[in-house]
N, C-alpha and C. Protein backbone atom coordinates (compact mmCIF):
# COMPACT_ATOMS: atom_id res chain seq x y z
N MET A 1 236.78 -147.60 48.40
CA MET A 1 237.14 -148.73 47.31
C MET A 1 238.70 -148.82 47.28
N SER A 2 239.13 -150.05 47.31
CA SER A 2 240.56 -150.20 47.73
C SER A 2 241.02 -149.86 45.82
N LYS A 3 242.47 -150.13 45.70
CA LYS A 3 242.99 -149.80 44.88
C LYS A 3 243.32 -151.17 43.76
N ILE A 4 243.08 -152.42 44.58
CA ILE A 4 242.68 -153.64 43.39
C ILE A 4 241.43 -153.49 43.09
N GLU A 5 240.29 -152.51 43.67
CA GLU A 5 238.78 -152.80 43.23
C GLU A 5 238.86 -151.67 41.88
N THR A 6 239.81 -151.11 42.25
CA THR A 6 239.48 -149.81 41.58
C THR A 6 240.41 -150.32 39.51
N LEU A 7 241.23 -150.83 40.10
CA LEU A 7 242.15 -151.38 38.68
C LEU A 7 241.16 -152.30 37.87
N VAL A 8 239.99 -153.32 39.34
CA VAL A 8 239.60 -154.47 38.47
C VAL A 8 238.35 -153.50 37.61
N ALA A 9 237.65 -152.54 38.30
CA ALA A 9 236.73 -151.65 37.11
C ALA A 9 237.47 -151.14 36.46
N THR A 10 238.15 -150.44 36.15
CA THR A 10 238.89 -150.14 35.35
C THR A 10 239.42 -150.75 34.23
N LEU A 11 240.23 -151.86 34.70
CA LEU A 11 240.00 -153.12 33.46
C LEU A 11 238.97 -153.50 32.99
N ASP A 12 237.62 -154.04 33.74
CA ASP A 12 236.35 -154.38 33.35
C ASP A 12 236.16 -153.26 32.34
N ALA A 13 236.03 -151.72 32.83
CA ALA A 13 235.30 -150.94 31.77
C ALA A 13 236.04 -150.99 30.38
N GLN A 14 237.62 -151.15 30.61
CA GLN A 14 238.49 -150.96 29.03
C GLN A 14 237.96 -152.21 28.15
N ILE A 15 237.59 -153.66 28.94
CA ILE A 15 237.41 -154.89 28.45
C ILE A 15 235.62 -154.28 27.68
N ASN A 16 234.88 -154.46 28.73
CA ASN A 16 233.73 -153.41 27.94
C ASN A 16 234.02 -152.58 26.76
N LYS A 17 234.53 -151.89 26.67
CA LYS A 17 234.76 -151.17 25.66
C LYS A 17 235.25 -152.00 24.52
N ALA A 18 236.55 -152.87 24.53
CA ALA A 18 237.04 -153.51 23.67
C ALA A 18 235.89 -154.74 23.28
N VAL A 19 235.09 -155.00 23.52
CA VAL A 19 234.15 -156.20 23.65
C VAL A 19 232.76 -155.17 22.27
N ASN A 20 232.61 -154.28 22.79
CA ASN A 20 232.09 -153.21 22.08
C ASN A 20 232.30 -152.46 20.38
N LYS A 21 233.67 -152.66 20.71
CA LYS A 21 234.56 -151.98 19.57
C LYS A 21 234.31 -153.40 18.71
N ILE A 22 234.56 -154.53 19.06
CA ILE A 22 234.96 -155.59 18.43
C ILE A 22 233.73 -155.78 17.81
N GLU A 23 232.51 -155.36 18.12
CA GLU A 23 230.94 -155.66 17.73
C GLU A 23 230.82 -154.66 16.81
N GLU A 24 231.40 -153.89 17.09
CA GLU A 24 231.08 -152.49 16.01
C GLU A 24 232.06 -152.55 14.73
N LEU A 25 233.24 -153.57 14.62
CA LEU A 25 233.70 -153.54 13.60
C LEU A 25 233.10 -155.17 13.11
N LYS A 26 233.01 -156.08 13.96
CA LYS A 26 232.58 -157.01 12.84
C LYS A 26 231.08 -156.69 12.22
N GLN A 27 229.93 -155.94 12.71
CA GLN A 27 229.40 -155.15 12.16
C GLN A 27 229.28 -154.28 10.79
N ALA A 28 230.45 -153.52 11.14
CA ALA A 28 231.27 -152.64 9.93
C ALA A 28 231.63 -154.00 9.12
N ASN A 29 232.05 -154.97 9.37
CA ASN A 29 232.60 -155.71 8.21
C ASN A 29 232.00 -156.49 7.54
N LEU A 30 230.60 -156.73 8.13
CA LEU A 30 229.25 -157.71 7.56
C LEU A 30 228.74 -156.64 6.35
N SER A 31 228.77 -155.37 6.73
CA SER A 31 227.96 -154.20 6.04
C SER A 31 229.40 -154.12 5.02
N ILE A 32 230.62 -153.79 4.96
CA ILE A 32 231.31 -154.10 3.61
C ILE A 32 231.34 -155.18 3.12
N GLN A 33 231.25 -156.28 3.27
CA GLN A 33 231.64 -157.68 2.64
C GLN A 33 230.12 -157.64 1.69
N GLN A 34 228.91 -157.59 2.21
CA GLN A 34 227.46 -157.20 1.49
C GLN A 34 227.74 -156.11 0.45
N GLU A 35 228.03 -155.04 0.66
CA GLU A 35 228.95 -154.19 -0.40
C GLU A 35 229.30 -154.34 -1.27
N LEU A 36 230.44 -155.19 -0.85
CA LEU A 36 231.20 -155.81 -2.00
C LEU A 36 230.35 -156.73 -2.77
N GLN A 37 229.91 -158.13 -2.15
CA GLN A 37 229.17 -158.78 -2.70
C GLN A 37 228.17 -158.17 -3.84
N SER A 38 227.73 -157.15 -3.28
CA SER A 38 226.80 -156.42 -4.12
C SER A 38 227.53 -155.93 -5.63
N THR A 39 228.58 -155.22 -5.23
CA THR A 39 229.56 -154.65 -6.41
C THR A 39 229.90 -155.54 -7.26
N GLN A 40 230.27 -156.87 -6.64
CA GLN A 40 230.94 -157.93 -7.48
C GLN A 40 229.86 -158.36 -8.49
N LYS A 41 228.98 -158.41 -7.88
CA LYS A 41 227.50 -158.52 -8.92
C LYS A 41 226.88 -158.02 -10.41
N GLN A 42 227.11 -156.95 -9.38
CA GLN A 42 227.04 -155.35 -10.85
C GLN A 42 227.94 -155.20 -11.57
N LEU A 43 229.36 -155.79 -11.22
CA LEU A 43 230.57 -155.76 -12.06
C LEU A 43 230.50 -157.30 -13.15
N GLN A 44 230.21 -158.63 -12.18
CA GLN A 44 229.61 -159.53 -13.54
C GLN A 44 228.69 -159.29 -14.10
N ASN A 45 227.42 -158.32 -13.70
CA ASN A 45 226.37 -157.78 -15.36
C ASN A 45 226.98 -157.49 -16.06
N GLN A 46 227.72 -156.24 -15.79
CA GLN A 46 228.43 -155.30 -16.43
C GLN A 46 229.36 -155.78 -17.68
N LYS A 47 229.92 -157.06 -17.22
CA LYS A 47 231.09 -157.56 -17.97
C LYS A 47 229.85 -158.30 -19.11
N GLN A 48 228.81 -159.23 -18.47
CA GLN A 48 228.04 -160.07 -19.55
C GLN A 48 227.49 -158.72 -20.29
N LEU A 49 227.16 -158.01 -19.88
CA LEU A 49 226.44 -156.76 -20.87
C LEU A 49 227.62 -156.64 -22.08
N THR A 50 228.54 -156.38 -21.19
CA THR A 50 229.93 -155.67 -22.25
C THR A 50 230.09 -156.96 -23.52
N ALA A 51 230.23 -158.02 -22.87
CA ALA A 51 230.37 -159.34 -23.92
C ALA A 51 229.35 -159.54 -25.16
N GLU A 52 227.77 -159.02 -24.65
CA GLU A 52 226.56 -159.14 -25.27
C GLU A 52 226.82 -158.13 -26.44
N TRP A 53 226.97 -157.01 -25.84
CA TRP A 53 227.09 -155.95 -26.66
C TRP A 53 228.67 -156.31 -27.65
N GLU A 54 229.49 -156.56 -27.54
CA GLU A 54 230.89 -156.83 -28.63
C GLU A 54 230.28 -158.12 -29.50
N GLU A 55 229.34 -158.82 -28.89
CA GLU A 55 229.11 -160.05 -30.03
C GLU A 55 227.80 -159.53 -30.90
N LYS A 56 227.28 -158.71 -30.38
CA LYS A 56 226.24 -157.77 -31.15
C LYS A 56 227.03 -156.94 -32.28
N TYR A 57 228.11 -156.23 -31.75
CA TYR A 57 228.88 -155.27 -32.69
C TYR A 57 229.67 -156.72 -33.37
N GLU A 58 230.36 -157.32 -32.99
CA GLU A 58 230.84 -158.50 -34.59
C GLU A 58 229.71 -158.42 -35.13
N ALA A 59 229.01 -159.15 -35.04
CA ALA A 59 227.25 -159.72 -35.65
C ALA A 59 227.55 -158.43 -36.79
N LEU A 60 227.24 -157.25 -36.30
CA LEU A 60 226.65 -156.03 -37.35
C LEU A 60 228.31 -155.50 -38.31
N LYS A 61 228.84 -155.91 -38.33
CA LYS A 61 230.17 -155.46 -38.77
C LYS A 61 230.48 -156.88 -39.99
N VAL A 62 230.07 -158.36 -39.39
CA VAL A 62 229.66 -159.06 -40.69
C VAL A 62 228.68 -159.06 -41.44
N ALA A 63 227.86 -158.33 -40.97
CA ALA A 63 226.41 -158.55 -41.70
C ALA A 63 227.00 -156.69 -42.69
N ASN A 64 227.23 -155.76 -42.34
CA ASN A 64 227.96 -154.47 -42.84
C ASN A 64 228.67 -154.63 -43.95
N THR A 65 229.94 -156.10 -43.47
CA THR A 65 230.85 -156.26 -44.55
C THR A 65 230.48 -157.14 -45.83
N ILE A 66 229.16 -157.96 -45.78
CA ILE A 66 228.56 -158.58 -46.75
C ILE A 66 227.64 -157.71 -47.43
N LEU A 67 227.14 -156.97 -46.88
CA LEU A 67 226.18 -155.80 -47.69
C LEU A 67 226.87 -154.47 -47.60
N GLY A 68 228.85 -154.55 -47.64
CA GLY A 68 229.02 -153.34 -47.96
C GLY A 68 229.96 -153.43 -49.19
N SER A 69 230.85 -152.43 -49.16
CA SER A 69 231.30 -151.98 -50.65
C SER A 69 232.49 -152.67 -50.86
N ASP A 70 232.76 -152.74 -51.86
CA ASP A 70 233.99 -153.50 -52.70
C ASP A 70 235.37 -153.39 -51.58
N ASP A 71 235.35 -152.47 -50.79
CA ASP A 71 236.84 -152.46 -49.95
C ASP A 71 236.42 -153.65 -48.81
N SER A 72 235.49 -153.85 -48.67
CA SER A 72 235.02 -154.80 -47.73
C SER A 72 234.77 -155.96 -47.95
N LYS A 73 234.96 -156.11 -49.36
CA LYS A 73 234.94 -157.66 -50.15
C LYS A 73 235.67 -158.56 -49.07
N ARG A 74 237.05 -158.52 -49.10
CA ARG A 74 238.29 -159.15 -48.87
C ARG A 74 237.93 -159.52 -47.58
N GLU A 75 237.42 -158.42 -46.56
CA GLU A 75 237.44 -158.85 -45.30
C GLU A 75 236.21 -159.57 -45.09
N THR A 76 235.34 -159.99 -45.62
CA THR A 76 234.27 -160.72 -45.84
C THR A 76 234.44 -162.40 -46.08
N LYS A 77 235.29 -162.08 -47.44
CA LYS A 77 235.85 -163.31 -47.46
C LYS A 77 236.86 -164.05 -46.85
N LEU A 78 237.19 -163.24 -46.07
CA LEU A 78 238.24 -163.93 -45.31
C LEU A 78 237.32 -164.76 -43.79
N LYS A 79 236.77 -163.85 -43.55
CA LYS A 79 235.65 -164.06 -42.83
C LYS A 79 234.81 -165.35 -42.60
N ILE A 80 234.33 -165.51 -43.82
CA ILE A 80 233.68 -166.26 -44.56
C ILE A 80 234.34 -167.99 -44.35
N ASN A 81 235.96 -167.52 -44.86
CA ASN A 81 236.71 -168.57 -44.54
C ASN A 81 236.94 -169.47 -43.34
N ALA A 82 236.74 -168.15 -42.43
CA ALA A 82 237.32 -168.77 -40.88
C ALA A 82 236.07 -169.26 -40.27
N LEU A 83 234.74 -168.83 -40.69
CA LEU A 83 233.77 -169.50 -40.03
C LEU A 83 233.78 -171.16 -41.27
N ILE A 84 233.80 -170.88 -42.47
CA ILE A 84 233.96 -172.47 -43.20
C ILE A 84 235.06 -173.62 -42.11
N ARG A 85 236.26 -173.08 -41.93
CA ARG A 85 237.21 -173.84 -41.16
C ARG A 85 236.67 -174.24 -40.38
N GLU A 86 236.38 -173.56 -39.41
CA GLU A 86 235.66 -173.77 -38.12
C GLU A 86 234.44 -174.96 -37.96
N ILE A 87 233.37 -174.88 -39.05
CA ILE A 87 232.44 -175.58 -39.17
C ILE A 87 233.15 -176.85 -39.35
N ASP A 88 234.12 -176.91 -40.43
CA ASP A 88 235.13 -178.15 -40.75
C ASP A 88 235.69 -178.48 -39.82
N TYR A 89 236.39 -177.74 -38.67
CA TYR A 89 236.99 -178.40 -37.64
C TYR A 89 235.93 -178.83 -36.56
N CYS A 90 234.42 -178.35 -36.55
CA CYS A 90 233.57 -179.11 -35.85
C CYS A 90 233.14 -180.21 -36.42
N ILE A 91 232.64 -180.78 -37.39
CA ILE A 91 232.54 -181.98 -38.21
C ILE A 91 233.20 -182.59 -38.03
N ALA A 92 234.64 -182.50 -37.86
CA ALA A 92 236.07 -183.50 -37.72
C ALA A 92 235.49 -183.82 -36.23
N GLU A 93 235.73 -183.18 -35.52
CA GLU A 93 235.62 -183.88 -33.82
C GLU A 93 234.57 -184.46 -33.87
N LEU A 94 233.21 -184.00 -34.37
CA LEU A 94 231.86 -184.82 -34.14
C LEU A 94 232.11 -186.20 -35.06
N SER A 95 232.67 -186.36 -36.00
CA SER A 95 233.45 -187.57 -36.12
C SER A 95 234.10 -188.61 -35.74
N GLN A 96 234.72 -188.23 -34.86
CA GLN A 96 235.40 -189.27 -34.46
C GLN A 96 234.89 -189.66 -33.17
């Protein structure tokens, strides 16, 4: 075999190795992207669950202040006033 044929054969082998490595990296990249999408969905679900629990907690706090002691009456009155202002604002917006 001549020197050029040896170089061509070596170059061909290296190109095949590079092509195979590129394919492996594409597969790894695809796998990582799928894992990322899955993780992002889980994160979104966790955020939604957290928001739901925070909403429930706030509702429970309001209920406890309404049923609660004299200490929480002031907080209850403030919350009711805030809700009334919000309702008034909504009514005003609907009236326009």
